[in-house]
Amino acid sequence: MKKLQLSEVITPPVQGNDEFFARKVRAKDFNGLMDPIIGFDHFELTKDIFGPHPHAGMAALSYVFEDSAPYQSIDSLGNNITVTPGSLLWTWAGSGVVHSEYPVPDGASVEGLQLFVNIPGSKKHLKPQSVFIDQSQMPEIKKDGVLVRVVCGETENVINPITTPEPLTLLHIFIEAEKEFSHTIPVGWSGTVFAIEGHFDLITNEQTTELEEGSALAMGQSDHDETITFKGIANSQLLFISGKPLYEEVFTKGAMAMESNESLNAALEDYNSGKMGFIKMEGDNRIVVAPI
């Protein structure tokens, strides 16, 4: 029997300035245990910092926290979506898409999670798509001292019914001191914990690990279902992300993640030649130019 493997606890530094700052968590620091997650940012921003930019071969998930300003997303396919507080936009880039995300209004503070998920090499050249999940569509578990929002996926037989491009569980967990919540990781799946605030224990069959604000830990490679428990030491808020590893090498440049150098170069050429479309800035206006 192969036991659940746990990474070290890592607390990346906060990077940025008044217009954008984030804790940036990257899979390369977790010995493969985050797969299929490429990385994520817990961010706050007040400006359109990144401007229009391309994605390919991955999914970019924007989950906006409840106390945030709205986050507007425009892409080269013509989607124009307001990611309202508490909601999720899943941009499945596939063969490539250009998008722009910015606070509404300009200068308002957006806080959330930007999550980058690898997709199978066999699907990286398919047409892009977007899935929006409003907070009202996210089922919740409420019990003494615990609130769990099922942003996507499932836990404790509570299932978010929205079909997502790839199977993934994302839980936003609020837990009071001395209270606890348990989740079962399916056989072969990975799991990543990120502490937004507070201080809590992660309890497995083998050990107990403390996490506090800003820290992250990844786990996986078990050959059977594994139950983990979160127990509050202080009132805490955390995210748990779980998916099935792909075990595929990724070749990256910027926000492109392809299955080979040849595919990566081809995606860059597609972007430069307009095959992904463009978003042109004219003053404060964003003009969508459709893919050619």
Protein backbone atom coordinates (compact mmCIF):
# COMPACT_ATOMS: atom_id res chain seq x y z
CA MET A 1 0.00 0.00 0.00
CA LYS A 2 1.35 3.40 -1.02
CA LYS A 3 0.72 6.12 1.55
CA LEU A 4 -0.18 9.74 0.93
CA GLN A 5 2.97 11.77 0.32
CA LEU A 6 3.18 15.31 1.73
CA SER A 7 5.44 18.13 0.61
CA GLU A 8 7.17 20.56 2.90
CA VAL A 9 5.16 23.59 4.00
CA ILE A 10 6.19 26.57 1.88
CA THR A 11 5.36 30.23 2.54
CA PRO A 12 6.24 32.29 -0.54
CA PRO A 13 6.92 35.98 0.05
CA VAL A 14 4.46 38.68 -0.91
CA GLN A 15 5.59 40.35 -4.13
CA GLY A 16 4.40 43.59 -5.71
CA ASN A 17 3.26 47.10 -4.89
CA ASP A 18 0.10 49.12 -4.18
CA GLU A 19 -1.35 48.37 -7.63
CA PHE A 20 -0.66 44.61 -7.56
CA PHE A 21 0.71 42.25 -4.97
CA ALA A 22 0.50 38.51 -4.58
CA ARG A 23 1.80 35.33 -3.04
CA LYS A 24 2.88 33.19 -5.98
CA VAL A 25 2.82 29.43 -5.44
CA ARG A 26 4.45 27.29 -8.16
CA ALA A 27 4.35 23.53 -8.72
CA LYS A 28 8.12 23.29 -9.24
CA ASP A 29 8.60 23.79 -5.49
CA PHE A 30 6.42 20.81 -4.48
CA ASN A 31 8.16 17.75 -5.97
CA GLY A 32 5.42 17.00 -8.50
CA LEU A 33 2.70 16.73 -5.85
CA MET A 34 0.65 19.66 -7.21
CA ASP A 35 0.09 18.10 -10.67
CA PRO A 36 -2.13 19.00 -12.60
CA ILE A 37 -1.78 22.44 -10.99
CA ILE A 38 0.94 24.54 -12.60
CA GLY A 39 0.69 27.24 -9.95
CA PHE A 40 -1.52 29.95 -8.48
CA ASP A 41 -1.45 33.51 -7.19
CA HIS A 42 -3.33 34.81 -4.17
CA PHE A 43 -3.53 38.38 -5.43
CA GLU A 44 -4.89 41.85 -4.84
CA LEU A 45 -4.89 44.49 -7.59
CA THR A 46 -6.41 47.88 -8.35
CA LYS A 47 -5.31 48.36 -11.99
CA ASP A 48 -5.17 46.48 -15.29
CA ILE A 49 -1.61 45.40 -14.57
CA PHE A 50 -1.08 42.75 -17.23
CA GLY A 51 -3.04 44.14 -20.19
CA PRO A 52 -4.29 41.85 -22.96
CA HIS A 53 -2.19 38.66 -23.12
CA PRO A 54 -2.39 35.15 -24.61
CA HIS A 55 -3.03 31.80 -22.95
CA ALA A 56 -2.61 28.39 -24.60
CA GLY A 57 -2.44 24.76 -23.49
CA MET A 58 -3.70 25.46 -19.97
CA ALA A 59 -6.73 26.63 -18.03
CA ALA A 60 -6.72 29.92 -16.11
CA LEU A 61 -9.27 30.07 -13.29
CA SER A 62 -10.15 33.41 -11.71
CA TYR A 63 -11.90 32.97 -8.35
CA VAL A 64 -12.90 36.32 -6.83
CA PHE A 65 -13.42 36.52 -3.08
CA GLU A 66 -16.70 37.73 -1.55
CA ASP A 67 -15.36 41.01 -0.19
CA SER A 68 -13.69 41.92 -3.50
CA ALA A 69 -14.68 44.40 -6.18
CA PRO A 70 -15.94 42.82 -9.44
CA TYR A 71 -13.37 41.59 -11.97
CA GLN A 72 -14.11 42.12 -15.66
CA SER A 73 -12.89 39.62 -18.24
CA ILE A 74 -12.84 40.19 -22.01
CA ASP A 75 -11.40 37.68 -24.47
CA SER A 76 -10.73 37.42 -28.20
CA LEU A 77 -13.65 35.01 -28.66
CA GLY A 78 -16.02 37.86 -27.78
CA ASN A 79 -16.80 36.83 -24.20
CA ASN A 80 -17.33 39.81 -21.90
CA ILE A 81 -18.00 38.54 -18.37
CA THR A 82 -18.18 40.27 -15.00
CA VAL A 83 -16.72 37.94 -12.41
CA THR A 84 -18.87 39.04 -9.50
CA PRO A 85 -17.65 38.68 -5.90
CA GLY A 86 -17.67 35.03 -4.80
CA SER A 87 -17.76 33.72 -8.39
CA LEU A 88 -15.40 31.79 -10.69
CA LEU A 89 -14.46 32.19 -14.35
CA TRP A 90 -12.78 29.17 -15.92
CA THR A 91 -10.93 30.14 -19.12
CA TRP A 92 -9.95 26.89 -20.83
CA ALA A 93 -7.38 28.17 -23.31
CA GLY A 94 -6.88 25.08 -25.47
CA SER A 95 -5.23 26.12 -28.76
CA GLY A 96 -5.09 29.73 -27.64
CA VAL A 97 -7.05 32.78 -26.60
CA VAL A 98 -6.22 36.38 -25.69
CA HIS A 99 -7.87 37.89 -22.66
CA SER A 100 -7.82 40.94 -20.43
CA GLU A 101 -8.95 41.10 -16.80
CA TYR A 102 -9.30 44.29 -14.78
CA PRO A 103 -11.12 45.72 -11.74
CA VAL A 104 -14.49 47.43 -12.00
CA PRO A 105 -14.29 50.33 -11.55
CA ASP A 106 -10.64 51.14 -12.20
CA GLY A 107 -8.94 51.70 -8.85
CA ALA A 108 -11.23 49.33 -6.94
CA SER A 109 -9.54 46.49 -5.08
CA VAL A 110 -9.93 42.96 -6.44
CA GLU A 111 -8.82 40.04 -4.27
CA GLY A 112 -8.87 36.43 -5.30
CA LEU A 113 -7.10 33.37 -6.61
CA GLN A 114 -5.68 33.03 -10.11
CA LEU A 115 -5.20 29.30 -10.65
CA PHE A 116 -3.30 27.77 -13.58
CA VAL A 117 -4.19 24.17 -14.43
CA ASN A 118 -2.46 21.96 -17.00
CA ILE A 119 -4.65 20.19 -19.54
CA PRO A 120 -3.84 16.89 -21.32
CA GLY A 121 -1.53 17.15 -24.30
CA SER A 122 -4.20 15.47 -26.43
CA LYS A 123 -6.55 18.42 -25.74
CA LYS A 124 -4.16 21.36 -25.99
CA HIS A 125 -5.05 22.02 -29.63
CA LEU A 126 -8.83 22.06 -29.20
CA LYS A 127 -10.97 25.18 -29.40
CA PRO A 128 -10.92 27.41 -26.28
CA GLN A 129 -13.98 27.75 -24.06
CA SER A 130 -15.13 29.62 -20.96
CA VAL A 131 -17.28 28.49 -18.04
CA PHE A 132 -18.67 30.97 -15.51
CA ILE A 133 -19.88 29.72 -12.13
CA ASP A 134 -21.84 32.29 -10.15
CA GLN A 135 -21.64 32.14 -6.36
CA SER A 136 -25.36 31.34 -6.29
CA GLN A 137 -24.55 28.09 -8.15
CA MET A 138 -22.02 26.95 -5.56
CA PRO A 139 -23.49 24.56 -2.96
CA GLU A 140 -22.41 25.05 0.64
CA ILE A 141 -21.96 22.87 3.69
CA LYS A 142 -22.85 24.66 6.91
CA LYS A 143 -22.42 23.11 10.32
CA ASP A 144 -21.20 24.14 13.75
CA GLY A 145 -18.25 26.45 13.21
CA VAL A 146 -17.67 25.35 9.60
CA LEU A 147 -18.63 26.73 6.18
CA VAL A 148 -17.47 24.97 3.02
CA ARG A 149 -18.23 26.46 -0.38
CA VAL A 150 -17.97 23.93 -3.23
CA VAL A 151 -16.65 26.27 -5.90
CA CYS A 152 -16.40 23.29 -8.28
CA GLY A 153 -16.19 19.53 -7.90
CA GLU A 154 -17.48 17.76 -4.81
CA THR A 155 -16.96 16.88 -1.15
CA GLU A 156 -19.00 14.90 1.41
CA ASN A 157 -21.41 13.88 -1.39
CA VAL A 158 -22.16 17.56 -2.02
CA ILE A 159 -21.63 18.16 -5.73
CA ASN A 160 -21.43 21.37 -7.72
CA PRO A 161 -23.60 20.47 -10.74
CA ILE A 162 -21.80 22.80 -13.17
CA THR A 163 -19.80 20.77 -15.70
CA THR A 164 -16.21 22.00 -15.96
CA PRO A 165 -13.76 21.33 -18.80
CA GLU A 166 -11.57 19.15 -16.57
CA PRO A 167 -12.40 17.32 -13.32
CA LEU A 168 -11.25 19.52 -10.45
CA THR A 169 -12.36 20.14 -6.88
CA LEU A 170 -11.94 23.62 -5.43
CA LEU A 171 -13.19 24.17 -1.89
CA HIS A 172 -13.25 27.48 0.01
CA ILE A 173 -13.28 26.50 3.68
CA PHE A 174 -14.02 28.73 6.69
CA ILE A 175 -13.37 27.04 10.04
CA GLU A 176 -13.50 28.33 13.60
CA ALA A 177 -11.02 27.48 16.34
CA GLU A 178 -11.38 23.88 17.61
CA LYS A 179 -13.82 22.98 14.82
CA GLU A 180 -12.96 20.57 12.02
CA PHE A 181 -13.89 19.43 8.53
CA SER A 182 -12.88 16.26 6.66
CA HIS A 183 -12.52 15.61 2.94
CA THR A 184 -11.69 12.39 1.09
CA ILE A 185 -9.14 12.60 -1.72
CA PRO A 186 -9.95 10.04 -4.44
CA VAL A 187 -7.34 7.38 -5.16
CA GLY A 188 -4.55 8.76 -7.32
CA TRP A 189 -5.60 12.41 -7.00
CA SER A 190 -3.40 15.19 -5.70
CA GLY A 191 -4.38 17.90 -3.24
CA THR A 192 -3.05 21.36 -2.45
CA VAL A 193 -3.86 23.44 0.63
CA PHE A 194 -3.39 27.20 0.80
CA ALA A 195 -3.96 29.14 4.03
CA ILE A 196 -5.61 32.48 3.29
CA GLU A 197 -5.72 33.53 6.93
CA GLY A 198 -5.62 32.06 10.41
CA HIS A 199 -3.86 28.99 11.77
CA PHE A 200 -5.00 25.36 11.49
CA ASP A 201 -3.89 21.73 11.52
CA LEU A 202 -3.94 19.42 8.51
CA ILE A 203 -4.43 15.90 9.85
CA THR A 204 -3.76 12.73 7.81
CA ASN A 205 -3.56 9.08 8.87
CA GLU A 206 0.19 9.49 9.32
CA GLN A 207 0.84 12.97 10.69
CA THR A 208 -0.42 16.40 11.73
CA THR A 209 0.96 19.52 10.05
CA GLU A 210 0.35 23.13 11.09
CA LEU A 211 -0.32 25.79 8.45
CA GLU A 212 -0.72 29.51 8.91
CA GLU A 213 -1.51 32.53 6.78
CA GLY A 214 0.26 32.48 3.41
CA SER A 215 1.54 28.91 3.61
CA ALA A 216 0.91 26.06 1.18
CA LEU A 217 1.33 22.29 1.16
CA ALA A 218 0.74 19.67 -1.55
CA MET A 219 -0.02 15.96 -1.27
CA GLY A 220 -0.67 12.95 -3.46
CA GLN A 221 0.53 9.62 -4.90
CA SER A 222 -1.59 7.44 -2.60
CA ASP A 223 -2.93 4.18 -4.07
CA HIS A 224 -6.19 4.40 -2.10
CA ASP A 225 -8.76 6.99 -1.01
CA GLU A 226 -7.33 9.23 1.71
CA THR A 227 -9.31 11.20 4.29
CA ILE A 228 -7.74 14.43 5.51
CA THR A 229 -9.05 16.70 8.26
CA PHE A 230 -8.69 20.44 8.75
CA LYS A 231 -8.91 21.54 12.40
CA GLY A 232 -8.88 25.18 13.39
CA ILE A 233 -6.28 26.36 15.89
CA ALA A 234 -7.63 29.89 15.36
CA ASN A 235 -10.46 31.07 13.13
CA SER A 236 -9.16 30.27 9.65
CA GLN A 237 -9.90 30.52 5.94
CA LEU A 238 -8.30 28.20 3.40
CA LEU A 239 -8.52 26.85 -0.12
CA PHE A 240 -8.23 23.18 -1.05
CA ILE A 241 -7.57 22.27 -4.68
CA SER A 242 -7.63 18.68 -5.91
CA GLY A 243 -7.27 17.04 -9.32
CA LYS A 244 -5.95 13.99 -11.14
CA PRO A 245 -2.27 14.25 -12.08
CA LEU A 246 -1.36 14.13 -15.78
CA TYR A 247 2.32 13.17 -15.38
CA GLU A 248 3.12 15.05 -18.58
CA GLU A 249 6.08 17.30 -19.24
CA VAL A 250 5.14 20.94 -19.80
CA PHE A 251 6.98 23.44 -21.99
CA THR A 252 6.13 26.99 -20.98
CA LYS A 253 6.57 30.59 -21.98
CA GLY A 254 4.53 33.24 -20.22
CA ALA A 255 0.97 31.89 -19.93
CA MET A 256 1.44 29.17 -22.55
CA ALA A 257 1.96 25.55 -21.49
CA MET A 258 2.41 23.10 -24.36
CA GLU A 259 3.41 19.44 -24.70
CA SER A 260 6.62 20.09 -26.68
CA ASN A 261 8.95 22.88 -27.74
CA GLU A 262 7.61 22.54 -31.27
CA SER A 263 4.02 23.07 -30.08
CA LEU A 264 5.11 25.99 -27.92
CA ASN A 265 6.81 27.69 -30.86
CA ALA A 266 3.73 27.03 -33.01
CA ALA A 267 1.46 28.60 -30.37
CA LEU A 268 3.70 31.68 -30.22
CA GLU A 269 3.51 31.95 -34.00
CA ASP A 270 -0.30 31.57 -33.90
CA TYR A 271 -0.49 34.46 -31.44
CA ASN A 272 1.85 36.70 -33.41
CA SER A 273 0.00 36.02 -36.67
CA GLY A 274 -3.43 36.76 -35.20
CA LYS A 275 -4.79 33.22 -35.17
CA MET A 276 -5.76 33.69 -31.50
CA GLY A 277 -7.20 37.15 -32.14
CA PHE A 278 -6.19 40.31 -30.34
CA ILE A 279 -7.55 42.84 -27.88
CA LYS A 280 -6.48 46.34 -28.87
CA MET A 281 -6.36 49.18 -26.37
CA GLU A 282 -7.72 52.51 -27.63
CA GLY A 283 -7.50 54.82 -24.65
CA ASP A 284 -9.54 53.10 -21.94
CA ASN A 285 -11.48 51.05 -24.49
CA ARG A 286 -10.73 47.45 -25.37
CA ILE A 287 -11.44 46.48 -28.96
CA VAL A 288 -11.74 42.77 -29.75
CA VAL A 289 -10.16 41.61 -32.99
CA ALA A 290 -11.47 38.14 -33.85
CA PRO A 291 -9.08 35.30 -34.69
CA ILE A 292 -8.17 35.06 -38.38
